[in-house]
Amino acid sequence: MPDRTHDFGHYGAKGERGSEAAARVLDSLAGYIASPLTSPRGLSARLRYLTRSAAGHNAIRQAGITVTPRTLKAWLTGTQRPNKANLAKIDTAYRTLRRHNVARHLLRRLNANGGTRVEIHPLDQSHVPAPHQRVLEYRRLNIRTWDAIIDAWSQGDPQALDSAWIDQIVNLGSQWGKYEYVTSVGFAA
């Protein structure tokens, strides 16, 4: 049974952790606001999303935004613009709240009908010398229970997400360690 990779890229392989690739796919399924945060429309949409519920106001506080209600109202009306630090905190608060709000829906979709098939594209070995290359192939895996993955993703916990992802890819069999790092991961719900 392979152990977790400790020295990835030593011979020139390129890729990313499978859990990071899965988080990126989950982020695309979450349906974030398309307008950039730096545009007036993008900022306004994020602020409206954050200020229409108690959970949104809580996300604002947890992100470290400590402005007066008057300043927040000025941001909403567009008469005042947040500084760069507060813009980053607004985006963090928005993404955190959005992940929390869509987690149950995504979990239901991904667990439906016995799970969701995941396509795993192996890491890029084009820069690895021939004697050190592994035989890798495109793999498919049906993940039946997404609970731990979605929970870690919605909380923004990369270590828990990585552990939950590894718990699923061990179902690839004795060669699962070859797919800890990947070029990409694909699934749809």
N, C-alpha and C. Protein backbone atom coordinates (compact mmCIF):
# COMPACT_ATOMS: atom_id res chain seq x y z
N MET A 1 0.85 -1.18 0.00
CA MET A 1 0.00 0.00 0.00
C MET A 1 0.89 1.23 0.00
N PRO A 2 0.66 2.17 -0.91
CA PRO A 2 1.52 3.35 -0.97
C PRO A 2 1.23 4.30 0.18
N ASP A 3 2.25 5.03 0.55
CA ASP A 3 2.10 6.05 1.58
C ASP A 3 1.87 7.38 0.88
N ARG A 4 1.57 8.41 1.64
CA ARG A 4 1.36 9.73 1.06
C ARG A 4 2.67 10.28 0.53
N THR A 5 2.60 11.06 -0.53
CA THR A 5 3.77 11.62 -1.18
C THR A 5 4.39 12.70 -0.29
N HIS A 6 5.69 12.61 -0.07
CA HIS A 6 6.37 13.56 0.80
C HIS A 6 7.25 14.53 0.03
N ASP A 7 7.72 14.15 -1.15
CA ASP A 7 8.66 14.98 -1.90
C ASP A 7 8.17 15.12 -3.34
N PHE A 8 6.94 15.62 -3.49
CA PHE A 8 6.36 15.74 -4.83
C PHE A 8 7.15 16.72 -5.68
N GLY A 9 7.37 16.37 -6.94
CA GLY A 9 8.05 17.24 -7.88
C GLY A 9 9.56 17.13 -7.86
N HIS A 10 10.10 16.19 -7.09
CA HIS A 10 11.55 16.05 -6.98
C HIS A 10 12.20 15.82 -8.34
N TYR A 11 11.55 15.04 -9.21
CA TYR A 11 12.11 14.76 -10.53
C TYR A 11 11.48 15.60 -11.64
N GLY A 12 10.66 16.58 -11.28
CA GLY A 12 10.11 17.49 -12.28
C GLY A 12 8.65 17.28 -12.62
N ALA A 13 7.96 16.41 -11.90
CA ALA A 13 6.53 16.21 -12.17
C ALA A 13 5.76 17.47 -11.80
N LYS A 14 4.68 17.72 -12.53
CA LYS A 14 3.86 18.90 -12.27
C LYS A 14 2.42 18.46 -12.02
N GLY A 15 1.79 19.14 -11.09
CA GLY A 15 0.40 18.84 -10.77
C GLY A 15 0.02 19.54 -9.48
N GLU A 16 -1.14 19.19 -8.97
CA GLU A 16 -1.63 19.75 -7.72
C GLU A 16 -2.30 18.64 -6.93
N ARG A 17 -2.50 18.89 -5.67
CA ARG A 17 -3.18 17.90 -4.84
C ARG A 17 -4.59 17.69 -5.38
N GLY A 18 -5.04 16.45 -5.37
CA GLY A 18 -6.37 16.14 -5.86
C GLY A 18 -7.45 16.88 -5.10
N SER A 19 -7.23 17.08 -3.81
CA SER A 19 -8.22 17.80 -3.00
C SER A 19 -8.34 19.26 -3.44
N GLU A 20 -7.24 19.88 -3.86
CA GLU A 20 -7.28 21.26 -4.35
C GLU A 20 -8.05 21.34 -5.66
N ALA A 21 -7.82 20.36 -6.53
CA ALA A 21 -8.55 20.32 -7.80
C ALA A 21 -10.04 20.10 -7.56
N ALA A 22 -10.38 19.23 -6.61
CA ALA A 22 -11.78 18.99 -6.28
C ALA A 22 -12.42 20.24 -5.70
N ALA A 23 -11.69 20.97 -4.86
CA ALA A 23 -12.22 22.22 -4.28
C ALA A 23 -12.50 23.24 -5.38
N ARG A 24 -11.65 23.28 -6.39
CA ARG A 24 -11.87 24.21 -7.50
C ARG A 24 -13.15 23.85 -8.27
N VAL A 25 -13.40 22.55 -8.47
CA VAL A 25 -14.62 22.12 -9.15
C VAL A 25 -15.84 22.46 -8.28
N LEU A 26 -15.74 22.21 -6.98
CA LEU A 26 -16.85 22.55 -6.08
C LEU A 26 -17.11 24.06 -6.09
N ASP A 27 -16.05 24.86 -6.14
CA ASP A 27 -16.22 26.31 -6.22
C ASP A 27 -16.96 26.70 -7.50
N SER A 28 -16.65 26.03 -8.61
CA SER A 28 -17.35 26.36 -9.85
C SER A 28 -18.81 25.94 -9.78
N LEU A 29 -19.11 24.86 -9.07
CA LEU A 29 -20.49 24.43 -8.90
C LEU A 29 -21.26 25.34 -7.94
N ALA A 30 -20.54 26.04 -7.07
CA ALA A 30 -21.19 26.93 -6.10
C ALA A 30 -21.82 28.15 -6.77
N GLY A 31 -21.36 28.52 -7.95
CA GLY A 31 -21.96 29.62 -8.66
C GLY A 31 -21.71 30.97 -8.04
N TYR A 32 -20.44 31.34 -7.91
CA TYR A 32 -20.09 32.64 -7.36
C TYR A 32 -20.50 33.76 -8.31
N ILE A 33 -20.55 34.97 -7.80
CA ILE A 33 -20.86 36.15 -8.61
C ILE A 33 -19.75 36.32 -9.65
N ALA A 34 -20.15 36.48 -10.91
CA ALA A 34 -19.18 36.53 -12.00
C ALA A 34 -18.45 37.87 -12.08
N SER A 35 -19.11 38.95 -11.74
CA SER A 35 -18.46 40.27 -11.81
C SER A 35 -17.31 40.34 -10.83
N PRO A 36 -16.18 40.91 -11.24
CA PRO A 36 -15.04 40.98 -10.32
C PRO A 36 -15.32 41.90 -9.13
N LEU A 37 -14.68 41.62 -8.04
CA LEU A 37 -14.85 42.40 -6.82
C LEU A 37 -14.47 43.86 -7.02
N THR A 38 -13.53 44.12 -7.90
CA THR A 38 -13.05 45.48 -8.11
C THR A 38 -14.04 46.35 -8.88
N SER A 39 -15.01 45.73 -9.54
CA SER A 39 -16.03 46.52 -10.27
C SER A 39 -17.12 46.96 -9.30
N PRO A 40 -17.75 48.10 -9.56
CA PRO A 40 -18.84 48.54 -8.69
C PRO A 40 -19.98 47.52 -8.60
N ARG A 41 -20.28 46.89 -9.72
CA ARG A 41 -21.35 45.89 -9.74
C ARG A 41 -21.00 44.67 -8.89
N GLY A 42 -19.76 44.18 -9.00
CA GLY A 42 -19.32 43.03 -8.23
C GLY A 42 -19.30 43.29 -6.74
N LEU A 43 -18.81 44.46 -6.36
CA LEU A 43 -18.77 44.83 -4.95
C LEU A 43 -20.17 44.97 -4.39
N SER A 44 -21.04 45.65 -5.13
CA SER A 44 -22.42 45.85 -4.69
C SER A 44 -23.14 44.52 -4.51
N ALA A 45 -22.97 43.60 -5.46
CA ALA A 45 -23.63 42.29 -5.38
C ALA A 45 -23.15 41.51 -4.16
N ARG A 46 -21.86 41.53 -3.90
CA ARG A 46 -21.33 40.81 -2.73
C ARG A 46 -21.84 41.42 -1.42
N LEU A 47 -21.84 42.74 -1.36
CA LEU A 47 -22.31 43.41 -0.14
C LEU A 47 -23.81 43.15 0.09
N ARG A 48 -24.60 43.17 -0.96
CA ARG A 48 -26.03 42.86 -0.80
C ARG A 48 -26.22 41.42 -0.32
N TYR A 49 -25.43 40.50 -0.86
CA TYR A 49 -25.52 39.10 -0.44
C TYR A 49 -25.17 38.96 1.04
N LEU A 50 -24.18 39.71 1.48
CA LEU A 50 -23.72 39.61 2.87
C LEU A 50 -24.63 40.32 3.87
N THR A 51 -25.31 41.37 3.43
CA THR A 51 -26.07 42.18 4.39
C THR A 51 -27.55 41.83 4.45
N ARG A 52 -28.01 40.85 3.73
CA ARG A 52 -29.44 40.56 3.76
C ARG A 52 -29.84 39.50 4.77
N SER A 53 -28.88 38.99 5.54
CA SER A 53 -29.23 37.98 6.55
C SER A 53 -28.31 38.12 7.76
N ALA A 54 -28.75 37.52 8.85
CA ALA A 54 -27.93 37.53 10.08
C ALA A 54 -26.66 36.72 9.85
N ALA A 55 -26.76 35.63 9.09
CA ALA A 55 -25.57 34.83 8.79
C ALA A 55 -24.55 35.64 8.00
N GLY A 56 -25.03 36.50 7.12
CA GLY A 56 -24.13 37.36 6.35
C GLY A 56 -23.41 38.37 7.23
N HIS A 57 -24.15 38.97 8.16
CA HIS A 57 -23.52 39.91 9.09
C HIS A 57 -22.50 39.19 9.98
N ASN A 58 -22.81 37.96 10.34
CA ASN A 58 -21.88 37.15 11.12
C ASN A 58 -20.62 36.85 10.31
N ALA A 59 -20.79 36.54 9.02
CA ALA A 59 -19.64 36.27 8.14
C ALA A 59 -18.76 37.52 8.01
N ILE A 60 -19.40 38.69 7.96
CA ILE A 60 -18.65 39.95 7.90
C ILE A 60 -17.80 40.11 9.15
N ARG A 61 -18.39 39.85 10.31
CA ARG A 61 -17.63 39.97 11.57
C ARG A 61 -16.51 38.95 11.62
N GLN A 62 -16.78 37.72 11.22
CA GLN A 62 -15.76 36.67 11.27
C GLN A 62 -14.61 36.94 10.31
N ALA A 63 -14.89 37.65 9.23
CA ALA A 63 -13.83 37.98 8.27
C ALA A 63 -12.94 39.12 8.78
N GLY A 64 -13.36 39.75 9.88
CA GLY A 64 -12.54 40.80 10.47
C GLY A 64 -12.87 42.20 9.98
N ILE A 65 -14.04 42.37 9.39
CA ILE A 65 -14.46 43.69 8.94
C ILE A 65 -15.11 44.40 10.12
N THR A 66 -14.47 45.48 10.58
CA THR A 66 -14.96 46.20 11.76
C THR A 66 -15.25 47.64 11.38
N VAL A 67 -16.28 47.83 10.60
CA VAL A 67 -16.68 49.19 10.21
C VAL A 67 -18.03 49.50 10.84
N THR A 68 -18.35 50.74 10.90
CA THR A 68 -19.63 51.16 11.46
C THR A 68 -20.76 50.86 10.47
N PRO A 69 -21.97 50.74 10.97
CA PRO A 69 -23.10 50.54 10.05
C PRO A 69 -23.21 51.67 9.01
N ARG A 70 -22.82 52.86 9.40
CA ARG A 70 -22.85 53.99 8.48
C ARG A 70 -21.88 53.78 7.31
N THR A 71 -20.69 53.29 7.60
CA THR A 71 -19.70 53.01 6.55
C THR A 71 -20.19 51.89 5.65
N LEU A 72 -20.77 50.86 6.24
CA LEU A 72 -21.31 49.74 5.46
C LEU A 72 -22.41 50.23 4.51
N LYS A 73 -23.25 51.13 5.01
CA LYS A 73 -24.31 51.69 4.18
C LYS A 73 -23.72 52.53 3.05
N ALA A 74 -22.66 53.26 3.33
CA ALA A 74 -21.99 54.05 2.29
C ALA A 74 -21.38 53.14 1.22
N TRP A 75 -20.85 52.00 1.63
CA TRP A 75 -20.34 51.03 0.66
C TRP A 75 -21.47 50.51 -0.21
N LEU A 76 -22.59 50.21 0.41
CA LEU A 76 -23.74 49.67 -0.32
C LEU A 76 -24.29 50.68 -1.34
N THR A 77 -24.34 51.93 -0.97
CA THR A 77 -24.87 52.95 -1.88
C THR A 77 -23.84 53.40 -2.91
N GLY A 78 -22.59 53.05 -2.70
CA GLY A 78 -21.54 53.40 -3.65
C GLY A 78 -20.94 54.78 -3.44
N THR A 79 -21.27 55.42 -2.32
CA THR A 79 -20.69 56.74 -2.05
C THR A 79 -19.30 56.67 -1.45
N GLN A 80 -18.96 55.49 -0.96
CA GLN A 80 -17.62 55.28 -0.40
C GLN A 80 -17.13 53.91 -0.86
N ARG A 81 -15.83 53.77 -1.03
CA ARG A 81 -15.25 52.50 -1.50
C ARG A 81 -14.34 51.93 -0.42
N PRO A 82 -14.42 50.62 -0.17
CA PRO A 82 -13.53 50.00 0.83
C PRO A 82 -12.07 50.02 0.35
N ASN A 83 -11.15 50.01 1.32
CA ASN A 83 -9.73 49.92 0.96
C ASN A 83 -9.42 48.48 0.53
N LYS A 84 -8.18 48.25 0.07
CA LYS A 84 -7.81 46.93 -0.45
C LYS A 84 -7.94 45.82 0.59
N ALA A 85 -7.56 46.12 1.82
CA ALA A 85 -7.64 45.12 2.87
C ALA A 85 -9.10 44.72 3.11
N ASN A 86 -9.99 45.70 3.16
CA ASN A 86 -11.40 45.39 3.37
C ASN A 86 -12.03 44.71 2.16
N LEU A 87 -11.56 45.04 0.96
CA LEU A 87 -12.05 44.34 -0.24
C LEU A 87 -11.73 42.86 -0.15
N ALA A 88 -10.52 42.53 0.26
CA ALA A 88 -10.13 41.12 0.40
C ALA A 88 -10.98 40.43 1.47
N LYS A 89 -11.25 41.14 2.56
CA LYS A 89 -12.08 40.57 3.63
C LYS A 89 -13.52 40.38 3.18
N ILE A 90 -14.03 41.31 2.37
CA ILE A 90 -15.39 41.18 1.84
C ILE A 90 -15.48 39.94 0.96
N ASP A 91 -14.47 39.74 0.11
CA ASP A 91 -14.49 38.57 -0.77
C ASP A 91 -14.40 37.28 0.05
N THR A 92 -13.56 37.27 1.08
CA THR A 92 -13.46 36.10 1.94
C THR A 92 -14.79 35.81 2.63
N ALA A 93 -15.42 36.85 3.16
CA ALA A 93 -16.71 36.68 3.83
C ALA A 93 -17.76 36.17 2.86
N TYR A 94 -17.77 36.73 1.65
CA TYR A 94 -18.74 36.31 0.64
C TYR A 94 -18.56 34.84 0.27
N ARG A 95 -17.32 34.44 -0.02
CA ARG A 95 -17.06 33.05 -0.41
C ARG A 95 -17.40 32.08 0.73
N THR A 96 -17.07 32.46 1.95
CA THR A 96 -17.38 31.62 3.10
C THR A 96 -18.88 31.43 3.25
N LEU A 97 -19.64 32.51 3.16
CA LEU A 97 -21.10 32.42 3.28
C LEU A 97 -21.70 31.66 2.12
N ARG A 98 -21.22 31.88 0.92
CA ARG A 98 -21.76 31.18 -0.26
C ARG A 98 -21.51 29.68 -0.14
N ARG A 99 -20.30 29.29 0.27
CA ARG A 99 -20.01 27.87 0.46
C ARG A 99 -20.95 27.26 1.50
N HIS A 100 -21.14 27.97 2.59
CA HIS A 100 -22.03 27.48 3.65
C HIS A 100 -23.46 27.33 3.12
N ASN A 101 -23.92 28.30 2.34
CA ASN A 101 -25.30 28.28 1.85
C ASN A 101 -25.57 27.20 0.80
N VAL A 102 -24.58 26.87 -0.01
CA VAL A 102 -24.83 25.88 -1.07
C VAL A 102 -24.38 24.48 -0.69
N ALA A 103 -23.76 24.30 0.46
CA ALA A 103 -23.20 23.00 0.83
C ALA A 103 -24.27 21.91 0.87
N ARG A 104 -25.40 22.17 1.51
CA ARG A 104 -26.45 21.14 1.60
C ARG A 104 -26.98 20.76 0.23
N HIS A 105 -27.17 21.77 -0.62
CA HIS A 105 -27.66 21.52 -1.97
C HIS A 105 -26.66 20.67 -2.77
N LEU A 106 -25.38 21.05 -2.72
CA LEU A 106 -24.36 20.27 -3.43
C LEU A 106 -24.26 18.85 -2.89
N LEU A 107 -24.33 18.71 -1.58
CA LEU A 107 -24.26 17.39 -0.97
C LEU A 107 -25.39 16.50 -1.48
N ARG A 108 -26.58 17.05 -1.52
CA ARG A 108 -27.74 16.29 -2.00
C ARG A 108 -27.54 15.89 -3.47
N ARG A 109 -27.05 16.82 -4.29
CA ARG A 109 -26.83 16.53 -5.71
C ARG A 109 -25.73 15.49 -5.92
N LEU A 110 -24.63 15.62 -5.18
CA LEU A 110 -23.50 14.71 -5.39
C LEU A 110 -23.77 13.31 -4.84
N ASN A 111 -24.56 13.20 -3.78
CA ASN A 111 -24.88 11.89 -3.20
C ASN A 111 -26.05 11.19 -3.91
N ALA A 112 -26.79 11.92 -4.75
CA ALA A 112 -27.97 11.37 -5.40
C ALA A 112 -27.61 10.20 -6.32
N ASN A 113 -28.52 9.26 -6.42
CA ASN A 113 -28.40 8.11 -7.32
C ASN A 113 -27.13 7.30 -7.11
N GLY A 114 -26.72 7.14 -5.87
CA GLY A 114 -25.56 6.31 -5.57
C GLY A 114 -24.22 6.99 -5.70
N GLY A 115 -24.19 8.29 -5.78
CA GLY A 115 -22.91 9.01 -5.82
C GLY A 115 -22.65 9.66 -7.16
N THR A 116 -21.45 10.18 -7.31
CA THR A 116 -21.06 10.90 -8.52
C THR A 116 -19.74 10.35 -9.02
N ARG A 117 -19.67 10.13 -10.33
CA ARG A 117 -18.44 9.64 -10.95
C ARG A 117 -17.44 10.78 -11.08
N VAL A 118 -16.21 10.50 -10.68
CA VAL A 118 -15.13 11.48 -10.73
C VAL A 118 -14.09 10.99 -11.73
N GLU A 119 -13.65 11.90 -12.59
CA GLU A 119 -12.58 11.60 -13.53
C GLU A 119 -11.29 12.18 -12.99
N ILE A 120 -10.26 11.36 -12.91
CA ILE A 120 -8.97 11.80 -12.37
C ILE A 120 -7.94 11.74 -13.49
N HIS A 121 -7.38 12.90 -13.81
CA HIS A 121 -6.35 12.99 -14.84
C HIS A 121 -4.99 13.02 -14.14
N PRO A 122 -4.12 12.07 -14.46
CA PRO A 122 -2.85 11.95 -13.73
C PRO A 122 -1.95 13.17 -13.90
N LEU A 123 -0.94 13.23 -13.03
CA LEU A 123 -0.01 14.35 -13.05
C LEU A 123 0.78 14.39 -14.35
N ASP A 124 1.38 15.54 -14.64
CA ASP A 124 2.15 15.77 -15.86
C ASP A 124 3.59 15.34 -15.61
N GLN A 125 4.03 14.33 -16.37
CA GLN A 125 5.39 13.82 -16.23
C GLN A 125 6.27 14.18 -17.42
N SER A 126 5.86 15.16 -18.21
CA SER A 126 6.61 15.48 -19.42
C SER A 126 8.02 15.98 -19.13
N HIS A 127 8.30 16.50 -17.93
CA HIS A 127 9.63 16.98 -17.59
C HIS A 127 10.41 16.00 -16.70
N VAL A 128 9.85 14.83 -16.47
CA VAL A 128 10.50 13.83 -15.64
C VAL A 128 11.39 12.95 -16.53
N PRO A 129 12.65 12.72 -16.16
CA PRO A 129 13.50 11.83 -16.95
C PRO A 129 12.87 10.44 -17.07
N ALA A 130 13.06 9.81 -18.22
CA ALA A 130 12.41 8.53 -18.52
C ALA A 130 12.59 7.45 -17.45
N PRO A 131 13.77 7.29 -16.86
CA PRO A 131 13.91 6.22 -15.86
C PRO A 131 13.06 6.44 -14.61
N HIS A 132 12.63 7.67 -14.38
CA HIS A 132 11.87 7.98 -13.17
C HIS A 132 10.37 8.15 -13.41
N GLN A 133 9.93 7.98 -14.65
CA GLN A 133 8.50 8.13 -14.94
C GLN A 133 7.72 6.89 -14.50
N ARG A 134 6.51 7.13 -14.04
CA ARG A 134 5.60 6.05 -13.68
C ARG A 134 4.61 5.81 -14.81
N VAL A 135 4.04 4.65 -14.82
CA VAL A 135 2.97 4.37 -15.76
C VAL A 135 1.68 4.86 -15.11
N LEU A 136 1.12 5.90 -15.70
CA LEU A 136 -0.11 6.49 -15.16
C LEU A 136 -1.17 6.50 -16.23
N GLU A 137 -2.38 6.34 -15.81
CA GLU A 137 -3.49 6.36 -16.75
C GLU A 137 -4.64 7.15 -16.16
N TYR A 138 -5.48 7.59 -17.03
CA TYR A 138 -6.69 8.28 -16.65
C TYR A 138 -7.56 7.31 -15.85
N ARG A 139 -8.12 7.76 -14.73
CA ARG A 139 -8.92 6.87 -13.88
C ARG A 139 -10.29 7.47 -13.61
N ARG A 140 -11.23 6.59 -13.34
CA ARG A 140 -12.58 7.00 -12.94
C ARG A 140 -12.88 6.36 -11.59
N LEU A 141 -13.61 7.09 -10.77
CA LEU A 141 -13.96 6.62 -9.45
C LEU A 141 -15.36 7.13 -9.12
N ASN A 142 -16.19 6.27 -8.58
CA ASN A 142 -17.52 6.68 -8.16
C ASN A 142 -17.47 6.95 -6.65
N ILE A 143 -17.63 8.22 -6.27
CA ILE A 143 -17.66 8.58 -4.85
C ILE A 143 -19.11 8.55 -4.42
N ARG A 144 -19.40 7.66 -3.49
CA ARG A 144 -20.79 7.47 -3.06
C ARG A 144 -21.21 8.43 -1.95
N THR A 145 -20.30 8.74 -1.05
CA THR A 145 -20.63 9.64 0.06
C THR A 145 -19.68 10.83 0.05
N TRP A 146 -20.23 12.00 -0.14
CA TRP A 146 -19.48 13.24 -0.25
C TRP A 146 -19.51 14.03 1.04
N ASP A 147 -20.10 13.51 2.09
CA ASP A 147 -20.34 14.27 3.32
C ASP A 147 -19.07 14.93 3.87
N ALA A 148 -18.01 14.15 4.06
CA ALA A 148 -16.78 14.69 4.65
C ALA A 148 -16.10 15.70 3.72
N ILE A 149 -16.14 15.45 2.41
CA ILE A 149 -15.53 16.36 1.45
C ILE A 149 -16.26 17.69 1.44
N ILE A 150 -17.58 17.64 1.35
CA ILE A 150 -18.37 18.88 1.32
C ILE A 150 -18.25 19.64 2.64
N ASP A 151 -18.25 18.92 3.75
CA ASP A 151 -18.13 19.57 5.05
C ASP A 151 -16.80 20.32 5.16
N ALA A 152 -15.71 19.68 4.77
CA ALA A 152 -14.39 20.33 4.85
C ALA A 152 -14.30 21.50 3.87
N TRP A 153 -14.86 21.34 2.68
CA TRP A 153 -14.84 22.41 1.68
C TRP A 153 -15.65 23.61 2.17
N SER A 154 -16.83 23.36 2.72
CA SER A 154 -17.68 24.48 3.16
C SER A 154 -17.07 25.23 4.33
N GLN A 155 -16.25 24.55 5.13
CA GLN A 155 -15.59 25.20 6.25
C GLN A 155 -14.26 25.83 5.85
N GLY A 156 -13.81 25.57 4.62
CA GLY A 156 -12.54 26.13 4.17
C GLY A 156 -11.34 25.53 4.87
N ASP A 157 -11.40 24.24 5.19
CA ASP A 157 -10.32 23.56 5.92
C ASP A 157 -9.55 22.66 4.95
N PRO A 158 -8.40 23.13 4.42
CA PRO A 158 -7.67 22.34 3.43
C PRO A 158 -7.14 21.01 3.94
N GLN A 159 -6.72 20.93 5.21
CA GLN A 159 -6.21 19.66 5.74
C GLN A 159 -7.33 18.62 5.84
N ALA A 160 -8.48 19.04 6.35
CA ALA A 160 -9.62 18.11 6.45
C ALA A 160 -10.09 17.70 5.07
N LEU A 161 -10.07 18.63 4.12
CA LEU A 161 -10.48 18.31 2.75
C LEU A 161 -9.52 17.30 2.14
N ASP A 162 -8.23 17.49 2.36
CA ASP A 162 -7.24 16.56 1.82
C ASP A 162 -7.43 15.17 2.43
N SER A 163 -7.65 15.10 3.73
CA SER A 163 -7.88 13.80 4.38
C SER A 163 -9.14 13.12 3.85
N ALA A 164 -10.21 13.90 3.69
CA ALA A 164 -11.46 13.35 3.17
C ALA A 164 -11.28 12.86 1.73
N TRP A 165 -10.51 13.61 0.94
CA TRP A 165 -10.25 13.22 -0.45
C TRP A 165 -9.44 11.92 -0.50
N ILE A 166 -8.40 11.85 0.32
CA ILE A 166 -7.57 10.63 0.37
C ILE A 166 -8.41 9.43 0.80
N ASP A 167 -9.31 9.63 1.77
CA ASP A 167 -10.19 8.54 2.21
C ASP A 167 -11.02 7.99 1.05
N GLN A 168 -11.30 8.81 0.05
CA GLN A 168 -12.08 8.34 -1.10
C GLN A 168 -11.20 7.72 -2.18
N ILE A 169 -10.03 8.31 -2.45
CA ILE A 169 -9.22 7.77 -3.55
C ILE A 169 -8.53 6.47 -3.19
N VAL A 170 -8.50 6.08 -1.93
CA VAL A 170 -7.94 4.77 -1.60
C VAL A 170 -8.78 3.67 -2.25
N ASN A 171 -9.99 4.01 -2.66
CA ASN A 171 -10.84 3.04 -3.36
C ASN A 171 -10.35 2.73 -4.76
N LEU A 172 -9.32 3.44 -5.23
CA LEU A 172 -8.71 3.12 -6.51
C LEU A 172 -7.89 1.84 -6.44
N GLY A 173 -7.62 1.38 -5.24
CA GLY A 173 -6.86 0.16 -5.07
C GLY A 173 -5.45 0.45 -4.59
N SER A 174 -4.58 -0.52 -4.78
CA SER A 174 -3.24 -0.42 -4.22
C SER A 174 -2.39 0.66 -4.87
N GLN A 175 -2.82 1.19 -5.99
CA GLN A 175 -2.05 2.22 -6.69
C GLN A 175 -2.58 3.63 -6.43
N TRP A 176 -3.39 3.82 -5.38
CA TRP A 176 -4.01 5.12 -5.14
C TRP A 176 -3.00 6.24 -4.94
N GLY A 177 -1.81 5.94 -4.42
CA GLY A 177 -0.79 6.95 -4.17
C GLY A 177 -0.32 7.66 -5.43
N LYS A 178 -0.46 7.00 -6.58
CA LYS A 178 -0.08 7.63 -7.84
C LYS A 178 -1.02 8.78 -8.20
N TYR A 179 -2.18 8.82 -7.58
CA TYR A 179 -3.20 9.81 -7.94
C TYR A 179 -3.47 10.81 -6.82
N GLU A 180 -2.55 10.91 -5.89
CA GLU A 180 -2.66 11.92 -4.84
C GLU A 180 -2.46 13.31 -5.44
N TYR A 181 -1.55 13.41 -6.40
CA TYR A 181 -1.33 14.64 -7.16
C TYR A 181 -1.84 14.40 -8.57
N VAL A 182 -2.53 15.38 -9.14
CA VAL A 182 -3.18 15.22 -10.43
C VAL A 182 -3.00 16.46 -11.29
N THR A 183 -3.30 16.31 -12.57
CA THR A 183 -3.37 17.46 -13.45
C THR A 183 -4.72 18.14 -13.29
N SER A 184 -5.78 17.32 -13.24
CA SER A 184 -7.12 17.87 -12.99
C SER A 184 -8.06 16.76 -12.52
N VAL A 185 -9.16 17.21 -11.96
CA VAL A 185 -10.23 16.33 -11.50
C VAL A 185 -11.51 16.89 -12.09
N GLY A 186 -12.38 16.00 -12.55
CA GLY A 186 -13.63 16.47 -13.13
C GLY A 186 -14.83 15.69 -12.62
N PHE A 187 -15.88 16.39 -12.31
CA PHE A 187 -17.16 15.79 -11.97
C PHE A 187 -18.23 16.85 -12.12
N ALA A 188 -19.44 16.40 -12.29
CA ALA A 188 -20.56 17.34 -12.44
C ALA A 188 -21.74 16.79 -11.67
N ALA A 189 -22.57 17.69 -11.22
CA ALA A 189 -23.76 17.25 -10.49
C ALA A 189 -24.97 17.98 -11.00
